[in-house]
Structure formats: C-alpha cells, structure tokens
C-alpha atoms as a PDB file:
ATOM      1  CA  MET A   1     107.073  80.005 120.499  1.00  0.00           C
ATOM      2  CA  ALA A   2     109.049  78.867 117.033  1.00  0.00           C
ATOM      3  CA  THR A   3     110.720  80.751 115.047  1.00  0.00           C
ATOM      4  CA  THR A   4     111.319  80.187 111.206  1.00  0.00           C
ATOM      5  CA  ASN A   5     113.300  81.673 108.585  1.00  0.00           C
ATOM      6  CA  ILE A   6     112.342  83.898 105.635  1.00  0.00           C
ATOM      7  CA  THR A   7     114.605  84.936 102.638  1.00  0.00           C
ATOM      8  CA  ILE A   8     113.415  88.854 100.964  1.00  0.00           C
ATOM      9  CA  ARG A   9     115.149  89.393  97.716  1.00  0.00           C
ATOM     10  CA  MET A  10     115.302  93.363  97.276  1.00  0.00           C
ATOM     11  CA  ASP A  11     117.810  95.932  96.206  1.00  0.00           C
ATOM     12  CA  ALA A  12     121.120  96.506  97.919  1.00  0.00           C
ATOM     13  CA  GLY A  13     120.975 100.282  97.769  1.00  0.00           C
ATOM     14  CA  LEU A  14     117.076  99.813  99.455  1.00  0.00           C
ATOM     15  CA  LYS A  15     118.145  97.386 102.031  1.00  0.00           C
ATOM     16  CA  LYS A  16     120.923  99.895 103.129  1.00  0.00           C
ATOM     17  CA  GLN A  17     119.442 102.490 103.001  1.00  0.00           C
ATOM     18  CA  ALA A  18     116.300 100.741 105.326  1.00  0.00           C
ATOM     19  CA  GLU A  19     118.613  99.018 107.456  1.00  0.00           C
ATOM     20  CA  GLU A  20     120.198 103.225 108.143  1.00  0.00           C
ATOM     21  CA  LEU A  21     116.904 104.185 109.172  1.00  0.00           C
ATOM     22  CA  PHE A  22     115.814 101.266 111.685  1.00  0.00           C
ATOM     23  CA  SER A  23     119.020 100.986 113.018  1.00  0.00           C
ATOM     24  CA  ASP A  24     117.855 104.865 114.170  1.00  0.00           C
ATOM     25  CA  LEU A  25     114.717 103.534 115.016  1.00  0.00           C
ATOM     26  CA  GLY A  26     116.123 101.131 117.789  1.00  0.00           C
ATOM     27  CA  MET A  27     115.586  98.047 116.156  1.00  0.00           C
ATOM     28  CA  ASN A  28     116.906  95.585 112.668  1.00  0.00           C
ATOM     29  CA  LEU A  29     115.545  94.244 109.859  1.00  0.00           C
ATOM     30  CA  THR A  30     114.111  91.363 111.604  1.00  0.00           C
ATOM     31  CA  THR A  31     112.208  93.341 114.191  1.00  0.00           C
ATOM     32  CA  ALA A  32     110.996  95.671 111.581  1.00  0.00           C
ATOM     33  CA  PHE A  33     109.412  93.048 109.014  1.00  0.00           C
ATOM     34  CA  THR A  34     108.176  91.290 112.547  1.00  0.00           C
ATOM     35  CA  VAL A  35     106.343  93.936 113.323  1.00  0.00           C
ATOM     36  CA  PHE A  36     105.417  94.863 109.838  1.00  0.00           C
ATOM     37  CA  ALA A  37     103.501  91.620 110.292  1.00  0.00           C
ATOM     38  CA  LYS A  38     102.371  91.532 113.700  1.00  0.00           C
ATOM     39  CA  GLN A  39     100.530  95.218 112.484  1.00  0.00           C
ATOM     40  CA  ALA A  40      99.416  93.653 109.263  1.00  0.00           C
ATOM     41  CA  VAL A  41      97.997  90.622 110.597  1.00  0.00           C
ATOM     42  CA  ARG A  42      96.117  92.594 113.482  1.00  0.00           C
ATOM     43  CA  GLU A  43      94.497  95.157 110.936  1.00  0.00           C
ATOM     44  CA  GLN A  44      94.072  92.032 108.327  1.00  0.00           C
ATOM     45  CA  GLN A  45      95.401  94.611 105.543  1.00  0.00           C
ATOM     46  CA  ILE A  46      98.903  96.172 104.789  1.00  0.00           C
ATOM     47  CA  PRO A  47      99.117  98.812 107.499  1.00  0.00           C
ATOM     48  CA  PHE A  48      99.410 102.323 105.047  1.00  0.00           C
ATOM     49  CA  ALA A  49      98.248 103.486 101.771  1.00  0.00           C
ATOM     50  CA  VAL A  50      99.511 101.146  98.884  1.00  0.00           C
ATOM     51  CA  SER A  51      99.117 102.483  95.128  1.00  0.00           C
ATOM     52  CA  ARG A  52      99.780 103.650  92.165  1.00  0.00           C
ATOM     53  CA  GLY A  53      99.663 107.495  92.525  1.00  0.00           C
ATOM     54  CA  TYR A  54      97.209 109.112  90.147  1.00  0.00           C
ATOM     55  CA  ASN A  55      97.992 110.516  86.741  1.00  0.00           C
ATOM     56  CA  SER A  56      97.784 114.247  85.589  1.00  0.00           C
ATOM     57  CA  GLU A  57      94.319 113.148  83.834  1.00  0.00           C
ATOM     58  CA  THR A  58      93.044 111.991  87.171  1.00  0.00           C
ATOM     59  CA  LEU A  59      94.917 115.111  89.353  1.00  0.00           C
ATOM     60  CA  GLN A  60      92.912 117.672  86.673  1.00  0.00           C
ATOM     61  CA  ALA A  61      89.338 115.492  87.920  1.00  0.00           C
ATOM     62  CA  ILE A  62      90.152 115.449  91.122  1.00  0.00           C
ATOM     63  CA  GLU A  63      91.000 119.410  90.748  1.00  0.00           C
ATOM     64  CA  ASP A  64      87.360 119.700  88.699  1.00  0.00           C
ATOM     65  CA  ALA A  65      85.193 117.723  90.995  1.00  0.00           C
ATOM     66  CA  ARG A  66      86.701 119.574  94.220  1.00  0.00           C
ATOM     67  CA  ASN A  67      85.725 123.252  92.343  1.00  0.00           C
ATOM     68  CA  GLY A  68      82.196 122.265  90.730  1.00  0.00           C
ATOM     69  CA  ILE A  69      83.470 121.679  86.936  1.00  0.00           C
ATOM     70  CA  GLY A  70      82.504 119.061  84.281  1.00  0.00           C
ATOM     71  CA  LEU A  71      80.515 116.029  84.655  1.00  0.00           C
ATOM     72  CA  SER A  72      81.112 116.526  88.817  1.00  0.00           C
ATOM     73  CA  ARG A  73      78.755 119.504  89.549  1.00  0.00           C
ATOM     74  CA  SER A  74      75.928 119.343  91.407  1.00  0.00           C
ATOM     75  CA  PHE A  75      72.647 120.694  91.588  1.00  0.00           C
ATOM     76  CA  SER A  76      70.015 121.890  94.486  1.00  0.00           C
ATOM     77  CA  SER A  77      67.101 119.416  92.799  1.00  0.00           C
ATOM     78  CA  VAL A  78      66.217 117.245  90.383  1.00  0.00           C
ATOM     79  CA  ALA A  79      64.545 120.257  88.242  1.00  0.00           C
ATOM     80  CA  ASP A  80      67.758 122.163  88.386  1.00  0.00           C
ATOM     81  CA  LEU A  81      69.732 118.760  87.167  1.00  0.00           C
ATOM     82  CA  MET A  82      67.131 118.910  83.945  1.00  0.00           C
ATOM     83  CA  GLU A  83      67.404 122.115  83.099  1.00  0.00           C
ATOM     84  CA  ASP A  84      70.970 121.809  82.695  1.00  0.00           C
ATOM     85  CA  LEU A  85      70.835 118.624  81.079  1.00  0.00           C
ATOM     86  CA  ASN A  86      68.695 120.163  78.425  1.00  0.00           C
ATOM     87  CA  ALA A  87      70.541 123.089  78.348  1.00  0.00           C
ATOM     88  CA  ASP A  88      72.238 123.975  74.575  1.00  0.00           C
ATOM     89  CA  ASP A  89      75.657 124.016  74.990  1.00  0.00           C
END
C-alpha cells in the first residue's frame, strides 16, 4: 500500500503529552493518527463526541427537564395540559 506524508500543526505542549500517552499505549503519533483515521472512515463520523459543552443556563434547563419543572412538565392527558395552560399563575 502506498503511503503519503501529512503535516499537522499543534501546540508543542499538547504534542508532548500526546506522544507520552501514545508511547504508554505502545504507539507513536503516526500510528495513533492512523488508528483515528481508520476508525473515522469505518464509522463515517468522528469516533467520539465533539461538543462545546453546556453553559450554566443549559445545564439548569436539563436539570429542570429531569425534574419536571417549567416548560418540560409532562401531562397524562390533553385535558390536564389544557387545564395547566389555562390556569391563572
């Protein structure tokens, strides 16, 4: 199989940490990036979750939803929903 070279730019500290980690796992950076690329191609997606995380407002909304607070309340019937919507607050 023919190989090709790629160039990756990254923070020097991150590179050092990655090299130490991958060395402990018995591989170098080239092998680690090849493993990543093969897995991504196999799954047709990045093989791990990529997100910005949640801010405090979103975390509170998630917690409220879990606890049935605010707009996330559930109702056992349409009549119960309508009663709640028409209730004087």
